[in-house]
Amino acid sequence: MKLFRILAVWCFVLGATLGLTPGLLAQPEQTEVAFSAPQQDVEMADALRQDGKIYVVVVVLLTVMVGVVVYLITIDRKVSKLEKQLKDDLVKR
């Protein structure tokens, strides 16, 4: 059950961070600074955005993340069940 609390806190912090700072995901305005190198546009990201394929990338990443979370939850349940069995066996002795 500790895993549920950790995941809940992590999701809450991530959601709060993204919710409180709406400009966090926005691209910053390009300003010229004398000592920095000129910024180059990322052509692949622009192409994916124009073709609408960026959504496919986001869906795949979300699917992988959900799969990892589900896997962690199932592992946590199995470990908790084994710990409970071990504790019960030790108490019976």
PDB file of N, CA and C in Angstrom:
ATOM      1  N   MET A   1       0.808  -1.200   0.000  1.00  0.00           N
ATOM      2  CA  MET A   1       0.000   0.000   0.000  1.00  0.00           C
ATOM      3  C   MET A   1       0.853   1.267   0.000  1.00  0.00           C
ATOM      4  N   LYS A   2       2.123   1.126   0.358  1.00  0.00           N
ATOM      5  CA  LYS A   2       3.002   2.288   0.335  1.00  0.00           C
ATOM      6  C   LYS A   2       3.153   2.807  -1.087  1.00  0.00           C
ATOM      7  N   LEU A   3       3.141   1.882  -2.050  1.00  0.00           N
ATOM      8  CA  LEU A   3       3.299   2.264  -3.451  1.00  0.00           C
ATOM      9  C   LEU A   3       2.155   3.168  -3.897  1.00  0.00           C
ATOM     10  N   PHE A   4       0.930   2.866  -3.438  1.00  0.00           N
ATOM     11  CA  PHE A   4      -0.211   3.704  -3.797  1.00  0.00           C
ATOM     12  C   PHE A   4      -0.026   5.122  -3.279  1.00  0.00           C
ATOM     13  N   ARG A   5       0.467   5.243  -2.055  1.00  0.00           N
ATOM     14  CA  ARG A   5       0.691   6.579  -1.488  1.00  0.00           C
ATOM     15  C   ARG A   5       1.777   7.322  -2.254  1.00  0.00           C
ATOM     16  N   ILE A   6       2.849   6.608  -2.580  1.00  0.00           N
ATOM     17  CA  ILE A   6       3.940   7.253  -3.316  1.00  0.00           C
ATOM     18  C   ILE A   6       3.461   7.701  -4.685  1.00  0.00           C
ATOM     19  N   LEU A   7       2.726   6.835  -5.398  1.00  0.00           N
ATOM     20  CA  LEU A   7       2.204   7.203  -6.715  1.00  0.00           C
ATOM     21  C   LEU A   7       1.205   8.353  -6.618  1.00  0.00           C
ATOM     22  N   ALA A   8       0.368   8.340  -5.594  1.00  0.00           N
ATOM     23  CA  ALA A   8      -0.609   9.415  -5.431  1.00  0.00           C
ATOM     24  C   ALA A   8       0.074  10.748  -5.171  1.00  0.00           C
ATOM     25  N   VAL A   9       1.070  10.741  -4.308  1.00  0.00           N
ATOM     26  CA  VAL A   9       1.802  11.978  -4.013  1.00  0.00           C
ATOM     27  C   VAL A   9       2.536  12.459  -5.253  1.00  0.00           C
ATOM     28  N   TRP A  10       3.164  11.532  -5.994  1.00  0.00           N
ATOM     29  CA  TRP A  10       3.898  11.905  -7.200  1.00  0.00           C
ATOM     30  C   TRP A  10       2.961  12.508  -8.238  1.00  0.00           C
ATOM     31  N   CYS A  11       1.793  11.882  -8.440  1.00  0.00           N
ATOM     32  CA  CYS A  11       0.818  12.417  -9.401  1.00  0.00           C
ATOM     33  C   CYS A  11       0.294  13.781  -8.953  1.00  0.00           C
ATOM     34  N   PHE A  12       0.060  13.931  -7.653  1.00  0.00           N
ATOM     35  CA  PHE A  12      -0.424  15.210  -7.142  1.00  0.00           C
ATOM     36  C   PHE A  12       0.606  16.318  -7.357  1.00  0.00           C
ATOM     37  N   VAL A  13       1.866  16.025  -7.064  1.00  0.00           N
ATOM     38  CA  VAL A  13       2.920  17.023  -7.240  1.00  0.00           C
ATOM     39  C   VAL A  13       3.083  17.364  -8.717  1.00  0.00           C
ATOM     40  N   LEU A  14       3.061  16.363  -9.569  1.00  0.00           N
ATOM     41  CA  LEU A  14       3.185  16.611 -11.005  1.00  0.00           C
ATOM     42  C   LEU A  14       2.012  17.436 -11.522  1.00  0.00           C
ATOM     43  N   GLY A  15       0.806  17.065 -11.100  1.00  0.00           N
ATOM     44  CA  GLY A  15      -0.377  17.812 -11.528  1.00  0.00           C
ATOM     45  C   GLY A  15      -0.378  19.240 -11.005  1.00  0.00           C
ATOM     46  N   ALA A  16       0.039  19.417  -9.757  1.00  0.00           N
ATOM     47  CA  ALA A  16       0.085  20.757  -9.181  1.00  0.00           C
ATOM     48  C   ALA A  16       1.134  21.607  -9.886  1.00  0.00           C
ATOM     49  N   THR A  17       2.255  21.000 -10.201  1.00  0.00           N
ATOM     50  CA  THR A  17       3.313  21.746 -10.887  1.00  0.00           C
ATOM     51  C   THR A  17       2.848  22.198 -12.263  1.00  0.00           C
ATOM     52  N   LEU A  18       2.227  21.308 -13.002  1.00  0.00           N
ATOM     53  CA  LEU A  18       1.761  21.673 -14.338  1.00  0.00           C
ATOM     54  C   LEU A  18       0.561  22.608 -14.274  1.00  0.00           C
ATOM     55  N   GLY A  19      -0.262  22.466 -13.244  1.00  0.00           N
ATOM     56  CA  GLY A  19      -1.445  23.316 -13.122  1.00  0.00           C
ATOM     57  C   GLY A  19      -1.126  24.728 -12.657  1.00  0.00           C
ATOM     58  N   LEU A  20      -0.134  24.865 -11.785  1.00  0.00           N
ATOM     59  CA  LEU A  20       0.183  26.176 -11.244  1.00  0.00           C
ATOM     60  C   LEU A  20       1.036  27.015 -12.182  1.00  0.00           C
ATOM     61  N   THR A  21       1.745  26.354 -13.066  1.00  0.00           N
ATOM     62  CA  THR A  21       2.610  27.080 -13.990  1.00  0.00           C
ATOM     63  C   THR A  21       2.188  26.776 -15.420  1.00  0.00           C
ATOM     64  N   PRO A  22       1.153  27.467 -15.908  1.00  0.00           N
ATOM     65  CA  PRO A  22       0.660  27.158 -17.250  1.00  0.00           C
ATOM     66  C   PRO A  22       1.692  27.452 -18.341  1.00  0.00           C
ATOM     67  N   GLY A  23       2.613  28.333 -18.103  1.00  0.00           N
ATOM     68  CA  GLY A  23       3.619  28.647 -19.101  1.00  0.00           C
ATOM     69  C   GLY A  23       4.781  27.675 -19.103  1.00  0.00           C
ATOM     70  N   LEU A  24       4.717  26.656 -18.256  1.00  0.00           N
ATOM     71  CA  LEU A  24       5.815  25.711 -18.141  1.00  0.00           C
ATOM     72  C   LEU A  24       6.025  24.929 -19.427  1.00  0.00           C
ATOM     73  N   LEU A  25       4.938  24.537 -20.074  1.00  0.00           N
ATOM     74  CA  LEU A  25       5.047  23.752 -21.289  1.00  0.00           C
ATOM     75  C   LEU A  25       5.096  24.622 -22.546  1.00  0.00           C
ATOM     76  N   ALA A  26       4.816  25.898 -22.398  1.00  0.00           N
ATOM     77  CA  ALA A  26       4.858  26.782 -23.552  1.00  0.00           C
ATOM     78  C   ALA A  26       6.299  27.063 -23.947  1.00  0.00           C
ATOM     79  N   GLN A  27       6.488  27.277 -25.228  1.00  0.00           N
ATOM     80  CA  GLN A  27       7.831  27.591 -25.685  1.00  0.00           C
ATOM     81  C   GLN A  27       8.160  29.031 -25.320  1.00  0.00           C
ATOM     82  N   PRO A  28       9.347  29.265 -24.784  1.00  0.00           N
ATOM     83  CA  PRO A  28       9.705  30.632 -24.408  1.00  0.00           C
ATOM     84  C   PRO A  28       9.889  31.503 -25.644  1.00  0.00           C
ATOM     85  N   GLU A  29       9.675  32.785 -25.428  1.00  0.00           N
ATOM     86  CA  GLU A  29       9.888  33.722 -26.524  1.00  0.00           C
ATOM     87  C   GLU A  29      11.372  33.766 -26.856  1.00  0.00           C
ATOM     88  N   GLN A  30      11.652  33.884 -28.134  1.00  0.00           N
ATOM     89  CA  GLN A  30      13.051  33.927 -28.529  1.00  0.00           C
ATOM     90  C   GLN A  30      13.552  35.366 -28.402  1.00  0.00           C
ATOM     91  N   THR A  31      14.543  35.529 -27.562  1.00  0.00           N
ATOM     92  CA  THR A  31      15.168  36.831 -27.402  1.00  0.00           C
ATOM     93  C   THR A  31      16.622  36.699 -27.785  1.00  0.00           C
ATOM     94  N   GLU A  32      17.143  37.733 -28.348  1.00  0.00           N
ATOM     95  CA  GLU A  32      18.537  37.690 -28.766  1.00  0.00           C
ATOM     96  C   GLU A  32      19.436  38.061 -27.596  1.00  0.00           C
ATOM     97  N   VAL A  33      20.382  37.224 -27.342  1.00  0.00           N
ATOM     98  CA  VAL A  33      21.373  37.472 -26.313  1.00  0.00           C
ATOM     99  C   VAL A  33      22.722  37.429 -27.004  1.00  0.00           C
ATOM    100  N   ALA A  34      23.549  38.387 -26.692  1.00  0.00           N
ATOM    101  CA  ALA A  34      24.808  38.539 -27.417  1.00  0.00           C
ATOM    102  C   ALA A  34      25.750  37.358 -27.221  1.00  0.00           C
ATOM    103  N   PHE A  35      25.747  36.754 -26.050  1.00  0.00           N
ATOM    104  CA  PHE A  35      26.725  35.716 -25.773  1.00  0.00           C
ATOM    105  C   PHE A  35      26.217  34.303 -26.042  1.00  0.00           C
ATOM    106  N   SER A  36      24.975  34.114 -26.456  1.00  0.00           N
ATOM    107  CA  SER A  36      24.475  32.764 -26.707  1.00  0.00           C
ATOM    108  C   SER A  36      24.466  32.461 -28.199  1.00  0.00           C
ATOM    109  N   ALA A  37      24.582  31.195 -28.499  1.00  0.00           N
ATOM    110  CA  ALA A  37      24.552  30.750 -29.886  1.00  0.00           C
ATOM    111  C   ALA A  37      23.118  30.852 -30.396  1.00  0.00           C
ATOM    112  N   PRO A  38      22.938  31.061 -31.669  1.00  0.00           N
ATOM    113  CA  PRO A  38      21.577  31.141 -32.213  1.00  0.00           C
ATOM    114  C   PRO A  38      20.870  29.794 -32.050  1.00  0.00           C
ATOM    115  N   GLN A  39      19.595  29.865 -31.667  1.00  0.00           N
ATOM    116  CA  GLN A  39      18.840  28.641 -31.462  1.00  0.00           C
ATOM    117  C   GLN A  39      18.328  28.121 -32.797  1.00  0.00           C
ATOM    118  N   GLN A  40      18.409  26.810 -32.945  1.00  0.00           N
ATOM    119  CA  GLN A  40      17.919  26.193 -34.166  1.00  0.00           C
ATOM    120  C   GLN A  40      16.578  25.530 -33.878  1.00  0.00           C
ATOM    121  N   ASP A  41      15.672  25.591 -34.847  1.00  0.00           N
ATOM    122  CA  ASP A  41      14.385  24.929 -34.688  1.00  0.00           C
ATOM    123  C   ASP A  41      14.567  23.426 -34.832  1.00  0.00           C
ATOM    124  N   VAL A  42      13.775  22.685 -34.092  1.00  0.00           N
ATOM    125  CA  VAL A  42      13.818  21.234 -34.196  1.00  0.00           C
ATOM    126  C   VAL A  42      12.848  20.831 -35.303  1.00  0.00           C
ATOM    127  N   GLU A  43      13.399  20.401 -36.406  1.00  0.00           N
ATOM    128  CA  GLU A  43      12.575  20.105 -37.575  1.00  0.00           C
ATOM    129  C   GLU A  43      11.670  18.905 -37.349  1.00  0.00           C
ATOM    130  N   MET A  44      12.179  17.899 -36.629  1.00  0.00           N
ATOM    131  CA  MET A  44      11.375  16.696 -36.414  1.00  0.00           C
ATOM    132  C   MET A  44      10.123  17.023 -35.603  1.00  0.00           C
ATOM    133  N   ALA A  45      10.264  17.822 -34.554  1.00  0.00           N
ATOM    134  CA  ALA A  45       9.113  18.176 -33.724  1.00  0.00           C
ATOM    135  C   ALA A  45       8.107  18.998 -34.519  1.00  0.00           C
ATOM    136  N   ASP A  46       8.598  19.905 -35.331  1.00  0.00           N
ATOM    137  CA  ASP A  46       7.693  20.700 -36.157  1.00  0.00           C
ATOM    138  C   ASP A  46       6.952  19.828 -37.157  1.00  0.00           C
ATOM    139  N   ALA A  47       7.662  18.886 -37.760  1.00  0.00           N
ATOM    140  CA  ALA A  47       7.026  17.995 -38.737  1.00  0.00           C
ATOM    141  C   ALA A  47       5.986  17.108 -38.070  1.00  0.00           C
ATOM    142  N   LEU A  48       6.314  16.575 -36.899  1.00  0.00           N
ATOM    143  CA  LEU A  48       5.350  15.736 -36.181  1.00  0.00           C
ATOM    144  C   LEU A  48       4.124  16.538 -35.771  1.00  0.00           C
ATOM    145  N   ARG A  49       4.348  17.775 -35.363  1.00  0.00           N
ATOM    146  CA  ARG A  49       3.235  18.625 -34.954  1.00  0.00           C
ATOM    147  C   ARG A  49       2.348  18.957 -36.150  1.00  0.00           C
ATOM    148  N   GLN A  50       2.941  19.236 -37.287  1.00  0.00           N
ATOM    149  CA  GLN A  50       2.165  19.586 -38.475  1.00  0.00           C
ATOM    150  C   GLN A  50       1.361  18.398 -38.988  1.00  0.00           C
ATOM    151  N   ASP A  51       1.956  17.220 -38.958  1.00  0.00           N
ATOM    152  CA  ASP A  51       1.275  16.029 -39.464  1.00  0.00           C
ATOM    153  C   ASP A  51       0.274  15.453 -38.473  1.00  0.00           C
ATOM    154  N   GLY A  52       0.290  15.930 -37.241  1.00  0.00           N
ATOM    155  CA  GLY A  52      -0.595  15.408 -36.219  1.00  0.00           C
ATOM    156  C   GLY A  52      -0.081  14.122 -35.596  1.00  0.00           C
ATOM    157  N   LYS A  53       1.140  13.736 -35.922  1.00  0.00           N
ATOM    158  CA  LYS A  53       1.709  12.495 -35.388  1.00  0.00           C
ATOM    159  C   LYS A  53       2.247  12.665 -33.977  1.00  0.00           C
ATOM    160  N   ILE A  54       2.339  13.891 -33.517  1.00  0.00           N
ATOM    161  CA  ILE A  54       2.814  14.123 -32.159  1.00  0.00           C
ATOM    162  C   ILE A  54       1.856  13.489 -31.151  1.00  0.00           C
ATOM    163  N   TYR A  55       0.584  13.413 -31.520  1.00  0.00           N
ATOM    164  CA  TYR A  55      -0.404  12.794 -30.645  1.00  0.00           C
ATOM    165  C   TYR A  55      -0.173  11.293 -30.538  1.00  0.00           C
ATOM    166  N   VAL A  56       0.295  10.682 -31.610  1.00  0.00           N
ATOM    167  CA  VAL A  56       0.633   9.260 -31.570  1.00  0.00           C
ATOM    168  C   VAL A  56       1.789   9.040 -30.603  1.00  0.00           C
ATOM    169  N   VAL A  57       2.772   9.917 -30.654  1.00  0.00           N
ATOM    170  CA  VAL A  57       3.917   9.812 -29.744  1.00  0.00           C
ATOM    171  C   VAL A  57       3.454   9.954 -28.301  1.00  0.00           C
ATOM    172  N   VAL A  58       2.587  10.916 -28.043  1.00  0.00           N
ATOM    173  CA  VAL A  58       2.081  11.136 -26.682  1.00  0.00           C
ATOM    174  C   VAL A  58       1.286   9.923 -26.209  1.00  0.00           C
ATOM    175  N   VAL A  59       0.450   9.356 -27.066  1.00  0.00           N
ATOM    176  CA  VAL A  59      -0.349   8.190 -26.683  1.00  0.00           C
ATOM    177  C   VAL A  59       0.550   6.992 -26.384  1.00  0.00           C
ATOM    178  N   VAL A  60       1.576   6.792 -27.195  1.00  0.00           N
ATOM    179  CA  VAL A  60       2.493   5.672 -26.956  1.00  0.00           C
ATOM    180  C   VAL A  60       3.223   5.858 -25.626  1.00  0.00           C
ATOM    181  N   LEU A  61       3.708   7.067 -25.356  1.00  0.00           N
ATOM    182  CA  LEU A  61       4.392   7.328 -24.093  1.00  0.00           C
ATOM    183  C   LEU A  61       3.454   7.132 -22.897  1.00  0.00           C
ATOM    184  N   LEU A  62       2.231   7.607 -23.009  1.00  0.00           N
ATOM    185  CA  LEU A  62       1.268   7.426 -21.923  1.00  0.00           C
ATOM    186  C   LEU A  62       0.939   5.954 -21.714  1.00  0.00           C
ATOM    187  N   THR A  63       0.834   5.202 -22.813  1.00  0.00           N
ATOM    188  CA  THR A  63       0.559   3.769 -22.710  1.00  0.00           C
ATOM    189  C   THR A  63       1.693   3.056 -21.982  1.00  0.00           C
ATOM    190  N   VAL A  64       2.918   3.406 -22.322  1.00  0.00           N
ATOM    191  CA  VAL A  64       4.066   2.793 -21.648  1.00  0.00           C
ATOM    192  C   VAL A  64       4.071   3.157 -20.171  1.00  0.00           C
ATOM    193  N   MET A  65       3.817   4.420 -19.845  1.00  0.00           N
ATOM    194  CA  MET A  65       3.810   4.849 -18.448  1.00  0.00           C
ATOM    195  C   MET A  65       2.695   4.149 -17.666  1.00  0.00           C
ATOM    196  N   VAL A  66       1.517   4.021 -18.243  1.00  0.00           N
ATOM    197  CA  VAL A  66       0.411   3.334 -17.572  1.00  0.00           C
ATOM    198  C   VAL A  66       0.772   1.866 -17.375  1.00  0.00           C
ATOM    199  N   GLY A  67       1.408   1.258 -18.361  1.00  0.00           N
ATOM    200  CA  GLY A  67       1.841  -0.132 -18.233  1.00  0.00           C
ATOM    201  C   GLY A  67       2.827  -0.311 -17.093  1.00  0.00           C
ATOM    202  N   VAL A  68       3.762   0.610 -16.957  1.00  0.00           N
ATOM    203  CA  VAL A  68       4.740   0.533 -15.874  1.00  0.00           C
ATOM    204  C   VAL A  68       4.047   0.682 -14.524  1.00  0.00           C
ATOM    205  N   VAL A  69       3.113   1.597 -14.418  1.00  0.00           N
ATOM    206  CA  VAL A  69       2.395   1.802 -13.154  1.00  0.00           C
ATOM    207  C   VAL A  69       1.573   0.564 -12.800  1.00  0.00           C
ATOM    208  N   VAL A  70       0.884  -0.012 -13.777  1.00  0.00           N
ATOM    209  CA  VAL A  70       0.093  -1.222 -13.520  1.00  0.00           C
ATOM    210  C   VAL A  70       1.003  -2.365 -13.095  1.00  0.00           C
ATOM    211  N   TYR A  71       2.142  -2.506 -13.740  1.00  0.00           N
ATOM    212  CA  TYR A  71       3.105  -3.545 -13.382  1.00  0.00           C
ATOM    213  C   TYR A  71       3.597  -3.355 -11.944  1.00  0.00           C
ATOM    214  N   LEU A  72       3.916  -2.114 -11.578  1.00  0.00           N
ATOM    215  CA  LEU A  72       4.362  -1.846 -10.206  1.00  0.00           C
ATOM    216  C   LEU A  72       3.273  -2.159  -9.188  1.00  0.00           C
ATOM    217  N   ILE A  73       2.042  -1.853  -9.515  1.00  0.00           N
ATOM    218  CA  ILE A  73       0.939  -2.133  -8.597  1.00  0.00           C
ATOM    219  C   ILE A  73       0.768  -3.635  -8.409  1.00  0.00           C
ATOM    220  N   THR A  74       0.839  -4.404  -9.500  1.00  0.00           N
ATOM    221  CA  THR A  74       0.682  -5.851  -9.365  1.00  0.00           C
ATOM    222  C   THR A  74       1.841  -6.463  -8.581  1.00  0.00           C
ATOM    223  N   ILE A  75       3.049  -5.984  -8.815  1.00  0.00           N
ATOM    224  CA  ILE A  75       4.199  -6.474  -8.055  1.00  0.00           C
ATOM    225  C   ILE A  75       4.037  -6.136  -6.572  1.00  0.00           C
ATOM    226  N   ASP A  76       3.557  -4.924  -6.277  1.00  0.00           N
ATOM    227  CA  ASP A  76       3.353  -4.514  -4.891  1.00  0.00           C
ATOM    228  C   ASP A  76       2.325  -5.403  -4.207  1.00  0.00           C
ATOM    229  N   ARG A  77       1.259  -5.735  -4.906  1.00  0.00           N
ATOM    230  CA  ARG A  77       0.233  -6.606  -4.324  1.00  0.00           C
ATOM    231  C   ARG A  77       0.791  -7.994  -4.044  1.00  0.00           C
ATOM    232  N   LYS A  78       1.573  -8.519  -4.983  1.00  0.00           N
ATOM    233  CA  LYS A  78       2.158  -9.853  -4.785  1.00  0.00           C
ATOM    234  C   LYS A  78       3.126  -9.856  -3.602  1.00  0.00           C
ATOM    235  N   VAL A  79       3.946  -8.837  -3.505  1.00  0.00           N
ATOM    236  CA  VAL A  79       4.902  -8.758  -2.400  1.00  0.00           C
ATOM    237  C   VAL A  79       4.159  -8.598  -1.070  1.00  0.00           C
ATOM    238  N   SER A  80       3.130  -7.792  -1.043  1.00  0.00           N
ATOM    239  CA  SER A  80       2.347  -7.618   0.189  1.00  0.00           C
ATOM    240  C   SER A  80       1.705  -8.929   0.606  1.00  0.00           C
ATOM    241  N   LYS A  81       1.198  -9.687  -0.363  1.00  0.00           N
ATOM    242  CA  LYS A  81       0.580 -10.975  -0.068  1.00  0.00           C
ATOM    243  C   LYS A  81       1.617 -11.947   0.498  1.00  0.00           C
ATOM    244  N   LEU A  82       2.802 -11.985  -0.091  1.00  0.00           N
ATOM    245  CA  LEU A  82       3.866 -12.851   0.408  1.00  0.00           C
ATOM    246  C   LEU A  82       4.335 -12.435   1.800  1.00  0.00           C
ATOM    247  N   GLU A  83       4.428 -11.129   2.048  1.00  0.00           N
ATOM    248  CA  GLU A  83       4.814 -10.651   3.376  1.00  0.00           C
ATOM    249  C   GLU A  83       3.780 -11.065   4.413  1.00  0.00           C
ATOM    250  N   LYS A  84       2.514 -10.966   4.042  1.00  0.00           N
ATOM    251  CA  LYS A  84       1.455 -11.349   4.969  1.00  0.00           C
ATOM    252  C   LYS A  84       1.527 -12.846   5.260  1.00  0.00           C
ATOM    253  N   GLN A  85       1.758 -13.668   4.215  1.00  0.00           N
ATOM    254  CA  GLN A  85       1.885 -15.110   4.417  1.00  0.00           C
ATOM    255  C   GLN A  85       3.067 -15.429   5.329  1.00  0.00           C
ATOM    256  N   LEU A  86       4.179 -14.765   5.104  1.00  0.00           N
ATOM    257  CA  LEU A  86       5.366 -14.997   5.917  1.00  0.00           C
ATOM    258  C   LEU A  86       5.119 -14.599   7.369  1.00  0.00           C
ATOM    259  N   LYS A  87       4.455 -13.482   7.559  1.00  0.00           N
ATOM    260  CA  LYS A  87       4.142 -13.024   8.921  1.00  0.00           C
ATOM    261  C   LYS A  87       3.203 -14.010   9.617  1.00  0.00           C
ATOM    262  N   ASP A  88       2.194 -14.507   8.895  1.00  0.00           N
ATOM    263  CA  ASP A  88       1.249 -15.465   9.474  1.00  0.00           C
ATOM    264  C   ASP A  88       1.961 -16.781   9.824  1.00  0.00           C
ATOM    265  N   ASP A  89       2.864 -17.231   8.962  1.00  0.00           N
ATOM    266  CA  ASP A  89       3.614 -18.457   9.238  1.00  0.00           C
ATOM    267  C   ASP A  89       4.515 -18.313  10.464  1.00  0.00           C
ATOM    268  N   LEU A  90       5.108 -17.135  10.621  1.00  0.00           N
ATOM    269  CA  LEU A  90       5.972 -16.920  11.788  1.00  0.00           C
ATOM    270  C   LEU A  90       5.166 -16.840  13.071  1.00  0.00           C
ATOM    271  N   VAL A  91       3.964 -16.301  13.003  1.00  0.00           N
ATOM    272  CA  VAL A  91       3.109 -16.189  14.181  1.00  0.00           C
ATOM    273  C   VAL A  91       2.618 -17.575  14.617  1.00  0.00           C
ATOM    274  N   LYS A  92       2.352 -18.453  13.652  1.00  0.00           N
ATOM    275  CA  LYS A  92       1.863 -19.800  13.965  1.00  0.00           C
ATOM    276  C   LYS A  92       2.931 -20.637  14.670  1.00  0.00           C
ATOM    277  N   ARG A  93       4.172 -20.368  14.416  1.00  0.00           N
ATOM    278  CA  ARG A  93       5.251 -21.140  15.028  1.00  0.00           C
ATOM    279  C   ARG A  93       5.444 -20.679  16.404  1.00  0.00           C
TER     280      ARG A  93
END
